[in-house]
Every structure is written in C-alpha cells, then in structure tokens.
C-alpha cells in the first residue's frame, strides 16, 4: 500500500507507528498531524481515525519491517503465554496463571488497558461501573458508551471464569 493520499492521515499513521519510540499519545499524534480541536476533542478524533481501515492498513505497513526483523509474531507470543499459564497451573501459582491469561486476552483484543482521560481525579466520585457510565455519557459520544458496555461484558465474563477456577481449586484442596 502506498502512502495515503490524505497527507494528514499519512502523518497521523506515521506518528502512531513510531509512538513506541516517541512516547506520544494518540491525541498528540492527531494534533501533530495538522488537525486543530478544542479541549479534549483530539482524543476522540484520534480514536476515530484509528478505526479507519485505510489508516489501520497503513500503520501495519509502516510497522511490518520491524515486526519481520524481530521475528516476534502474535502466534509465538500467544504460545509462550499459554506455556507460562500451564506451568503456573502445574506449580499451583494462580496469580501467575491469571497474569498469563490476562496477557492472552489483551493480545487477542478481549481486554484493553484503561487510561484516565481528563483532569486528574475527574472520576473520583464514580464508585460503581454504573456511576462511571453515567459520568461518561455526559462527557463522550454515544459510540464510546457502546464500546464500554461490550468491554464491561467481557470483563464480567472473565471475572466469573476466574472466580469459578478459584472455587474449584478450593474444593479440590478440601
């Protein structure tokens, strides 16, 4: 795939592809690409751009040589994580097994790290997931809320699996 025709999209893709070295945020990449927004609009707009198939493909193309050179593939990392999880289960280290399972979930996109967006402590009054959702509804677009609902379902399912595993281990030791 050649460079993108939209110069701002191309700049954004390059900033995102190199951010492991530059340590810039998605919002900074958006602003450095020549876009202008008010307040925290860069975070939302940058997220929207990252969902565009053309930009995803371009980022993959830019980063492909480094990935090939390293020899690291998703399959290899998932295999290593599964081996680590199995070893942790064999030596009865549930926290290490959960860590390996969490890594696997992140790698396949079932679990994403959350970073607080906004002023420090903006969410401090949110004691429950429902309060957080209510707060976010007031601050963000509807598509962000839908994504949070889906991720909440995944996290709840993972929590139930972990609790079941802990309970079954407790029963087997008694």
C-alpha atoms as a PDB file:
ATOM      1  CA  UNK A   1       0.000   0.000   0.000  1.00  0.00           C
ATOM      2  CA  UNK A   2       1.497   3.351  -0.989  1.00  0.00           C
ATOM      3  CA  UNK A   3       1.376   6.434   1.188  1.00  0.00           C
ATOM      4  CA  UNK A   4      -2.110   7.713   1.890  1.00  0.00           C
ATOM      5  CA  UNK A   5      -3.436  10.481  -0.368  1.00  0.00           C
ATOM      6  CA  UNK A   6      -4.686  12.437   2.631  1.00  0.00           C
ATOM      7  CA  UNK A   7      -1.494  13.999   3.992  1.00  0.00           C
ATOM      8  CA  UNK A   8      -2.902  14.415   7.497  1.00  0.00           C
ATOM      9  CA  UNK A   9      -3.910  10.741   7.598  1.00  0.00           C
ATOM     10  CA  UNK A  10      -0.420   9.774   6.433  1.00  0.00           C
ATOM     11  CA  UNK A  11       1.194  11.948   9.107  1.00  0.00           C
ATOM     12  CA  UNK A  12      -1.133  10.507  11.751  1.00  0.00           C
ATOM     13  CA  UNK A  13      -0.326   6.916  10.685  1.00  0.00           C
ATOM     14  CA  UNK A  14       3.399   7.684  10.882  1.00  0.00           C
ATOM     15  CA  UNK A  15       3.088   9.258  14.330  1.00  0.00           C
ATOM     16  CA  UNK A  16       1.113   6.265  15.620  1.00  0.00           C
ATOM     17  CA  UNK A  17       3.518   3.766  14.045  1.00  0.00           C
ATOM     18  CA  UNK A  18       6.516   5.404  15.728  1.00  0.00           C
ATOM     19  CA  UNK A  19       4.962   6.245  19.068  1.00  0.00           C
ATOM     20  CA  UNK A  20       6.685   3.336  20.815  1.00  0.00           C
ATOM     21  CA  UNK A  21       9.867   5.378  20.297  1.00  0.00           C
ATOM     22  CA  UNK A  22       8.437   8.872  20.600  1.00  0.00           C
ATOM     23  CA  UNK A  23       6.095   8.124  23.530  1.00  0.00           C
ATOM     24  CA  UNK A  24       3.407  10.483  22.235  1.00  0.00           C
ATOM     25  CA  UNK A  25      -0.259   9.980  22.932  1.00  0.00           C
ATOM     26  CA  UNK A  26      -2.948   9.367  20.360  1.00  0.00           C
ATOM     27  CA  UNK A  27      -4.184  12.919  20.910  1.00  0.00           C
ATOM     28  CA  UNK A  28      -0.674  14.330  20.379  1.00  0.00           C
ATOM     29  CA  UNK A  29      -0.331  12.307  17.173  1.00  0.00           C
ATOM     30  CA  UNK A  30      -3.623  13.805  15.994  1.00  0.00           C
ATOM     31  CA  UNK A  31      -2.544  17.364  16.776  1.00  0.00           C
ATOM     32  CA  UNK A  32       0.951  16.914  15.291  1.00  0.00           C
ATOM     33  CA  UNK A  33      -0.689  15.743  12.061  1.00  0.00           C
ATOM     34  CA  UNK A  34      -2.055  19.224  11.469  1.00  0.00           C
ATOM     35  CA  UNK A  35      -5.515  18.924  12.989  1.00  0.00           C
ATOM     36  CA  UNK A  36      -6.912  21.501  15.377  1.00  0.00           C
ATOM     37  CA  UNK A  37      -9.543  20.814  18.027  1.00  0.00           C
ATOM     38  CA  UNK A  38     -10.979  22.409  21.112  1.00  0.00           C
ATOM     39  CA  UNK A  39     -10.479  20.999  24.599  1.00  0.00           C
ATOM     40  CA  UNK A  40     -10.218  17.186  24.579  1.00  0.00           C
ATOM     41  CA  UNK A  41     -11.503  16.725  21.044  1.00  0.00           C
ATOM     42  CA  UNK A  42      -8.128  15.403  19.861  1.00  0.00           C
ATOM     43  CA  UNK A  43      -8.546  12.252  21.965  1.00  0.00           C
ATOM     44  CA  UNK A  44     -11.914  11.435  20.430  1.00  0.00           C
ATOM     45  CA  UNK A  45     -10.918  12.428  16.904  1.00  0.00           C
ATOM     46  CA  UNK A  46      -7.678  10.424  17.114  1.00  0.00           C
ATOM     47  CA  UNK A  47      -9.649   7.392  18.231  1.00  0.00           C
ATOM     48  CA  UNK A  48     -11.994   7.784  15.267  1.00  0.00           C
ATOM     49  CA  UNK A  49      -9.082   7.993  12.847  1.00  0.00           C
ATOM     50  CA  UNK A  50      -7.557   4.812  14.270  1.00  0.00           C
ATOM     51  CA  UNK A  51     -10.760   2.941  13.379  1.00  0.00           C
ATOM     52  CA  UNK A  52     -10.465   3.772   9.683  1.00  0.00           C
ATOM     53  CA  UNK A  53      -9.377   0.681   7.691  1.00  0.00           C
ATOM     54  CA  UNK A  54      -7.048   2.742   5.472  1.00  0.00           C
ATOM     55  CA  UNK A  55      -5.176   4.075   8.479  1.00  0.00           C
ATOM     56  CA  UNK A  56      -5.017   0.661  10.177  1.00  0.00           C
ATOM     57  CA  UNK A  57      -3.552  -0.827   6.995  1.00  0.00           C
ATOM     58  CA  UNK A  58      -1.022   1.961   6.626  1.00  0.00           C
ATOM     59  CA  UNK A  59       0.140   1.608  10.242  1.00  0.00           C
ATOM     60  CA  UNK A  60       0.532  -2.142   9.715  1.00  0.00           C
ATOM     61  CA  UNK A  61       2.540  -1.484   6.547  1.00  0.00           C
ATOM     62  CA  UNK A  62       4.832   1.005   8.299  1.00  0.00           C
ATOM     63  CA  UNK A  63       5.490  -1.308  11.253  1.00  0.00           C
ATOM     64  CA  UNK A  64       5.771  -4.549   9.240  1.00  0.00           C
ATOM     65  CA  UNK A  65       9.567  -4.368   8.610  1.00  0.00           C
ATOM     66  CA  UNK A  66      10.305  -4.035  12.330  1.00  0.00           C
ATOM     67  CA  UNK A  67       7.994  -6.923  13.155  1.00  0.00           C
ATOM     68  CA  UNK A  68       9.570  -9.152  10.491  1.00  0.00           C
ATOM     69  CA  UNK A  69      13.077  -8.232  11.660  1.00  0.00           C
ATOM     70  CA  UNK A  70      12.333  -9.123  15.276  1.00  0.00           C
ATOM     71  CA  UNK A  71      10.819 -12.497  14.370  1.00  0.00           C
ATOM     72  CA  UNK A  72       8.138 -11.976  17.001  1.00  0.00           C
ATOM     73  CA  UNK A  73       4.652 -12.972  15.920  1.00  0.00           C
ATOM     74  CA  UNK A  74       1.332 -12.923  17.684  1.00  0.00           C
ATOM     75  CA  UNK A  75       1.194 -16.705  17.460  1.00  0.00           C
ATOM     76  CA  UNK A  76       4.596 -17.057  19.158  1.00  0.00           C
ATOM     77  CA  UNK A  77       3.684 -14.696  21.963  1.00  0.00           C
ATOM     78  CA  UNK A  78       0.310 -16.412  22.498  1.00  0.00           C
ATOM     79  CA  UNK A  79       2.034 -19.809  22.537  1.00  0.00           C
ATOM     80  CA  UNK A  80       4.579 -18.601  25.111  1.00  0.00           C
ATOM     81  CA  UNK A  81       1.810 -17.114  27.262  1.00  0.00           C
ATOM     82  CA  UNK A  82      -0.107 -20.408  27.136  1.00  0.00           C
ATOM     83  CA  UNK A  83       3.038 -22.349  28.123  1.00  0.00           C
ATOM     84  CA  UNK A  84       3.540 -19.938  31.028  1.00  0.00           C
ATOM     85  CA  UNK A  85      -0.094 -20.302  32.073  1.00  0.00           C
ATOM     86  CA  UNK A  86       0.163 -24.108  32.017  1.00  0.00           C
ATOM     87  CA  UNK A  87       3.374 -24.030  34.065  1.00  0.00           C
ATOM     88  CA  UNK A  88       1.752 -21.698  36.597  1.00  0.00           C
ATOM     89  CA  UNK A  89      -1.218 -24.059  36.906  1.00  0.00           C
ATOM     90  CA  UNK A  90       1.112 -27.060  37.326  1.00  0.00           C
ATOM     91  CA  UNK A  91       3.029 -25.416  40.153  1.00  0.00           C
ATOM     92  CA  UNK A  92      -0.170 -24.057  41.707  1.00  0.00           C
ATOM     93  CA  UNK A  93       0.504 -20.363  41.170  1.00  0.00           C
ATOM     94  CA  UNK A  94      -2.958 -18.968  40.325  1.00  0.00           C
ATOM     95  CA  UNK A  95      -1.846 -15.325  40.230  1.00  0.00           C
ATOM     96  CA  UNK A  96       0.771 -16.131  37.584  1.00  0.00           C
ATOM     97  CA  UNK A  97      -1.812 -18.141  35.626  1.00  0.00           C
ATOM     98  CA  UNK A  98      -4.248 -15.234  35.767  1.00  0.00           C
ATOM     99  CA  UNK A  99      -1.495 -12.858  34.593  1.00  0.00           C
ATOM    100  CA  UNK A 100      -0.769 -15.117  31.604  1.00  0.00           C
ATOM    101  CA  UNK A 101      -4.488 -15.376  30.807  1.00  0.00           C
ATOM    102  CA  UNK A 102      -4.805 -11.609  31.050  1.00  0.00           C
ATOM    103  CA  UNK A 103      -1.922 -11.186  28.606  1.00  0.00           C
ATOM    104  CA  UNK A 104      -3.602 -13.581  26.182  1.00  0.00           C
ATOM    105  CA  UNK A 105      -6.889 -11.671  26.442  1.00  0.00           C
ATOM    106  CA  UNK A 106      -5.106  -8.374  25.763  1.00  0.00           C
ATOM    107  CA  UNK A 107      -3.253  -9.792  22.781  1.00  0.00           C
ATOM    108  CA  UNK A 108      -6.410 -11.038  21.081  1.00  0.00           C
ATOM    109  CA  UNK A 109      -8.303  -7.831  21.861  1.00  0.00           C
ATOM    110  CA  UNK A 110     -10.671  -9.108  24.540  1.00  0.00           C
ATOM    111  CA  UNK A 111      -9.200  -6.840  27.193  1.00  0.00           C
ATOM    112  CA  UNK A 112      -7.857  -3.319  26.913  1.00  0.00           C
ATOM    113  CA  UNK A 113      -5.975  -1.197  29.390  1.00  0.00           C
ATOM    114  CA  UNK A 114      -7.827   1.865  30.524  1.00  0.00           C
ATOM    115  CA  UNK A 115      -6.198   5.233  30.893  1.00  0.00           C
ATOM    116  CA  UNK A 116      -7.973   8.059  32.650  1.00  0.00           C
ATOM    117  CA  UNK A 117      -8.756  10.800  30.186  1.00  0.00           C
ATOM    118  CA  UNK A 118      -9.405  14.207  31.581  1.00  0.00           C
ATOM    119  CA  UNK A 119      -8.245  16.128  34.564  1.00  0.00           C
ATOM    120  CA  UNK A 120      -6.677  14.179  37.445  1.00  0.00           C
ATOM    121  CA  UNK A 121      -9.368  12.851  39.745  1.00  0.00           C
ATOM    122  CA  UNK A 122     -12.223  13.678  37.399  1.00  0.00           C
ATOM    123  CA  UNK A 123     -13.745  10.249  38.032  1.00  0.00           C
ATOM    124  CA  UNK A 124     -13.084  10.076  41.774  1.00  0.00           C
ATOM    125  CA  UNK A 125     -16.808  10.245  42.620  1.00  0.00           C
ATOM    126  CA  UNK A 126     -17.579   7.217  40.456  1.00  0.00           C
ATOM    127  CA  UNK A 127     -17.839   4.310  42.885  1.00  0.00           C
ATOM    128  CA  UNK A 128     -19.647   1.844  40.632  1.00  0.00           C
ATOM    129  CA  UNK A 129     -19.491   0.970  36.934  1.00  0.00           C
ATOM    130  CA  UNK A 130     -22.966   2.467  36.506  1.00  0.00           C
ATOM    131  CA  UNK A 131     -21.847   5.787  38.014  1.00  0.00           C
ATOM    132  CA  UNK A 132     -18.842   5.798  35.691  1.00  0.00           C
ATOM    133  CA  UNK A 133     -21.079   5.122  32.680  1.00  0.00           C
ATOM    134  CA  UNK A 134     -23.414   7.920  33.720  1.00  0.00           C
ATOM    135  CA  UNK A 135     -20.464  10.298  34.036  1.00  0.00           C
ATOM    136  CA  UNK A 136     -19.081   9.258  30.642  1.00  0.00           C
ATOM    137  CA  UNK A 137     -22.455   9.690  28.959  1.00  0.00           C
ATOM    138  CA  UNK A 138     -22.269  13.327  29.908  1.00  0.00           C
ATOM    139  CA  UNK A 139     -18.729  13.674  28.556  1.00  0.00           C
ATOM    140  CA  UNK A 140     -18.383  11.457  25.482  1.00  0.00           C
ATOM    141  CA  UNK A 141     -20.074  10.406  22.267  1.00  0.00           C
ATOM    142  CA  UNK A 142     -22.605   7.555  22.147  1.00  0.00           C
ATOM    143  CA  UNK A 143     -20.215   5.205  20.294  1.00  0.00           C
ATOM    144  CA  UNK A 144     -17.789   5.316  23.215  1.00  0.00           C
ATOM    145  CA  UNK A 145     -20.546   4.194  25.585  1.00  0.00           C
ATOM    146  CA  UNK A 146     -21.436   1.211  23.388  1.00  0.00           C
ATOM    147  CA  UNK A 147     -17.810   0.133  23.426  1.00  0.00           C
ATOM    148  CA  UNK A 148     -17.707   0.384  27.229  1.00  0.00           C
ATOM    149  CA  UNK A 149     -20.781  -1.839  27.525  1.00  0.00           C
ATOM    150  CA  UNK A 150     -19.138  -4.523  25.381  1.00  0.00           C
ATOM    151  CA  UNK A 151     -15.894  -4.368  27.322  1.00  0.00           C
ATOM    152  CA  UNK A 152     -17.762  -4.498  30.609  1.00  0.00           C
ATOM    153  CA  UNK A 153     -19.455  -7.727  29.471  1.00  0.00           C
ATOM    154  CA  UNK A 154     -16.077  -9.260  28.584  1.00  0.00           C
ATOM    155  CA  UNK A 155     -14.573  -8.255  31.920  1.00  0.00           C
ATOM    156  CA  UNK A 156     -17.558  -9.648  33.808  1.00  0.00           C
ATOM    157  CA  UNK A 157     -17.254 -12.956  31.950  1.00  0.00           C
ATOM    158  CA  UNK A 158     -13.539 -13.143  32.739  1.00  0.00           C
ATOM    159  CA  UNK A 159     -14.202 -12.365  36.404  1.00  0.00           C
ATOM    160  CA  UNK A 160     -16.725 -15.204  36.578  1.00  0.00           C
ATOM    161  CA  UNK A 161     -14.258 -17.647  34.981  1.00  0.00           C
ATOM    162  CA  UNK A 162     -11.544 -16.680  37.452  1.00  0.00           C
ATOM    163  CA  UNK A 163     -13.927 -16.985  40.425  1.00  0.00           C
ATOM    164  CA  UNK A 164     -15.051 -20.434  39.206  1.00  0.00           C
ATOM    165  CA  UNK A 165     -11.415 -21.530  38.883  1.00  0.00           C
ATOM    166  CA  UNK A 166     -10.626 -20.328  42.396  1.00  0.00           C
ATOM    167  CA  UNK A 167     -13.718 -22.046  43.797  1.00  0.00           C
ATOM    168  CA  UNK A 168     -12.941 -25.344  42.065  1.00  0.00           C
ATOM    169  CA  UNK A 169      -9.376 -25.257  43.377  1.00  0.00           C
ATOM    170  CA  UNK A 170     -10.634 -24.549  46.884  1.00  0.00           C
ATOM    171  CA  UNK A 171     -12.992 -27.535  46.668  1.00  0.00           C
ATOM    172  CA  UNK A 172     -10.268 -29.839  45.337  1.00  0.00           C
ATOM    173  CA  UNK A 173      -7.949 -28.936  48.244  1.00  0.00           C
ATOM    174  CA  UNK A 174     -10.661 -29.655  50.837  1.00  0.00           C
END
